[in-house]
């Protein structure tokens, strides 16, 4: 850990840490609002979707105004939210296929036992 000797630098370290946490709060809250928007879209309630979308837009704009987010990042997030709302409910994702127990796993155990026998 870097410790400053100058009084003003000690203050700056405290201020920077406080600002970093505030910026982090904005970013994590935006992620939460995106999840809430997805849930609302999947639910299909138009009033809820509109409300969540509006809250997300306001929060993204506030974060960009405070420079917690770069303006281009804010624009990209707002655009993504608008596309999600326009697309409507998602189709259920196909479950991933479970891998079969392959003969390769059995081969590995036999080769280990064969190499162990050589020793």
Protein backbone atom coordinates (compact mmCIF):
# COMPACT_ATOMS: atom_id res chain seq x y z
CA UNK A 1 0.00 0.00 0.00
CA UNK A 2 1.28 3.41 -0.95
CA UNK A 3 1.33 5.86 1.95
CA UNK A 4 1.75 9.54 1.22
CA UNK A 5 3.91 11.78 3.39
CA UNK A 6 2.32 15.06 2.33
CA UNK A 7 -0.87 16.10 4.10
CA UNK A 8 -2.70 17.13 0.91
CA UNK A 9 -1.88 13.82 -0.74
CA UNK A 10 -3.31 11.97 2.25
CA UNK A 11 -6.53 13.96 1.79
CA UNK A 12 -6.56 13.21 -1.94
CA UNK A 13 -6.21 9.48 -1.24
CA UNK A 14 -9.29 9.63 1.02
CA UNK A 15 -11.28 11.65 -1.51
CA UNK A 16 -10.32 9.35 -4.39
CA UNK A 17 -11.36 6.28 -2.40
CA UNK A 18 -14.73 7.87 -1.61
CA UNK A 19 -15.26 8.83 -5.25
CA UNK A 20 -14.29 5.36 -6.44
CA UNK A 21 -16.90 3.77 -4.17
CA UNK A 22 -19.57 6.19 -5.36
CA UNK A 23 -18.76 5.41 -8.99
CA UNK A 24 -18.86 1.70 -8.18
CA UNK A 25 -22.31 2.14 -6.61
CA UNK A 26 -23.59 3.72 -9.82
CA UNK A 27 -22.21 0.92 -11.96
CA UNK A 28 -23.57 -1.91 -9.82
CA UNK A 29 -26.95 -0.22 -9.49
CA UNK A 30 -27.17 0.09 -13.27
CA UNK A 31 -26.51 -3.65 -13.58
CA UNK A 32 -29.29 -4.31 -11.05
CA UNK A 33 -31.70 -2.10 -12.99
CA UNK A 34 -30.86 -4.01 -16.18
CA UNK A 35 -31.76 -7.28 -14.44
CA UNK A 36 -35.01 -5.74 -13.17
CA UNK A 37 -35.82 -4.55 -16.69
CA UNK A 38 -35.21 -8.05 -18.10
CA UNK A 39 -37.50 -9.53 -15.45
CA UNK A 40 -40.19 -6.96 -16.25
CA UNK A 41 -39.89 -7.66 -19.98
CA UNK A 42 -40.20 -11.40 -19.42
CA UNK A 43 -43.24 -10.75 -17.20
CA UNK A 44 -44.92 -8.80 -19.99
CA UNK A 45 -46.50 -6.02 -17.87
CA UNK A 46 -46.28 -2.91 -20.08
CA UNK A 47 -46.61 -0.40 -17.22
CA UNK A 48 -43.87 -2.12 -15.23
CA UNK A 49 -41.60 -2.30 -18.28
CA UNK A 50 -42.09 1.42 -18.94
CA UNK A 51 -41.38 2.30 -15.30
CA UNK A 52 -38.22 0.19 -15.07
CA UNK A 53 -36.98 1.53 -18.40
CA UNK A 54 -37.52 5.13 -17.27
CA UNK A 55 -35.71 4.52 -13.95
CA UNK A 56 -32.78 2.95 -15.79
CA UNK A 57 -32.53 5.85 -18.22
CA UNK A 58 -32.57 8.42 -15.41
CA UNK A 59 -29.89 6.55 -13.47
CA UNK A 60 -27.65 6.17 -16.54
CA UNK A 61 -28.02 9.88 -17.33
CA UNK A 62 -27.17 10.81 -13.75
CA UNK A 63 -24.10 8.56 -13.78
CA UNK A 64 -22.93 10.11 -17.05
CA UNK A 65 -23.48 13.63 -15.72
CA UNK A 66 -21.34 12.82 -12.68
CA UNK A 67 -18.75 11.17 -14.97
CA UNK A 68 -19.13 7.82 -13.21
CA UNK A 69 -19.75 6.54 -16.75
CA UNK A 70 -18.24 7.79 -19.97
CA UNK A 71 -20.92 9.52 -22.07
CA UNK A 72 -20.51 6.99 -24.89
CA UNK A 73 -20.93 4.12 -22.41
CA UNK A 74 -24.08 5.76 -21.09
CA UNK A 75 -25.45 6.14 -24.61
CA UNK A 76 -24.65 2.49 -25.36
CA UNK A 77 -26.42 1.30 -22.21
CA UNK A 78 -29.51 3.40 -22.94
CA UNK A 79 -29.56 2.07 -26.49
CA UNK A 80 -29.29 -1.50 -25.25
CA UNK A 81 -32.20 -0.94 -22.86
CA UNK A 82 -34.33 0.53 -25.65
CA UNK A 83 -33.56 -2.46 -27.89
CA UNK A 84 -34.51 -4.85 -25.07
CA UNK A 85 -37.84 -3.08 -24.59
CA UNK A 86 -38.55 -3.01 -28.32
CA UNK A 87 -37.69 -6.72 -28.74
CA UNK A 88 -40.21 -7.79 -26.10
CA UNK A 89 -40.14 -11.01 -24.08
CA UNK A 90 -37.29 -13.39 -24.74
CA UNK A 91 -37.91 -16.96 -25.78
CA UNK A 92 -36.84 -19.53 -23.26
CA UNK A 93 -33.24 -20.41 -23.88
CA UNK A 94 -32.59 -23.96 -24.98
CA UNK A 95 -30.99 -25.98 -22.20
CA UNK A 96 -27.42 -26.89 -22.93
CA UNK A 97 -26.83 -30.49 -23.84
CA UNK A 98 -25.17 -32.47 -21.10
CA UNK A 99 -21.88 -34.02 -22.08
CA UNK A 100 -21.79 -37.76 -22.35
CA UNK A 101 -19.24 -39.74 -20.41
CA UNK A 102 -16.69 -40.34 -23.12
CA UNK A 103 -14.34 -43.20 -23.57
CA UNK A 104 -11.52 -40.67 -23.22
CA UNK A 105 -12.11 -40.43 -19.49
CA UNK A 106 -11.86 -44.21 -19.20
CA UNK A 107 -8.73 -44.19 -21.36
CA UNK A 108 -7.03 -41.67 -19.10
CA UNK A 109 -7.58 -43.84 -16.04
CA UNK A 110 -6.22 -46.89 -17.81
CA UNK A 111 -3.14 -45.04 -19.03
CA UNK A 112 -2.44 -43.80 -15.53
CA UNK A 113 -2.70 -47.24 -14.10
CA UNK A 114 -0.48 -48.61 -16.87
CA UNK A 115 2.14 -45.93 -16.25
CA UNK A 116 1.93 -46.58 -12.53
CA UNK A 117 2.64 -50.28 -13.17
CA UNK A 118 5.81 -49.43 -15.08
CA UNK A 119 7.32 -47.76 -12.04
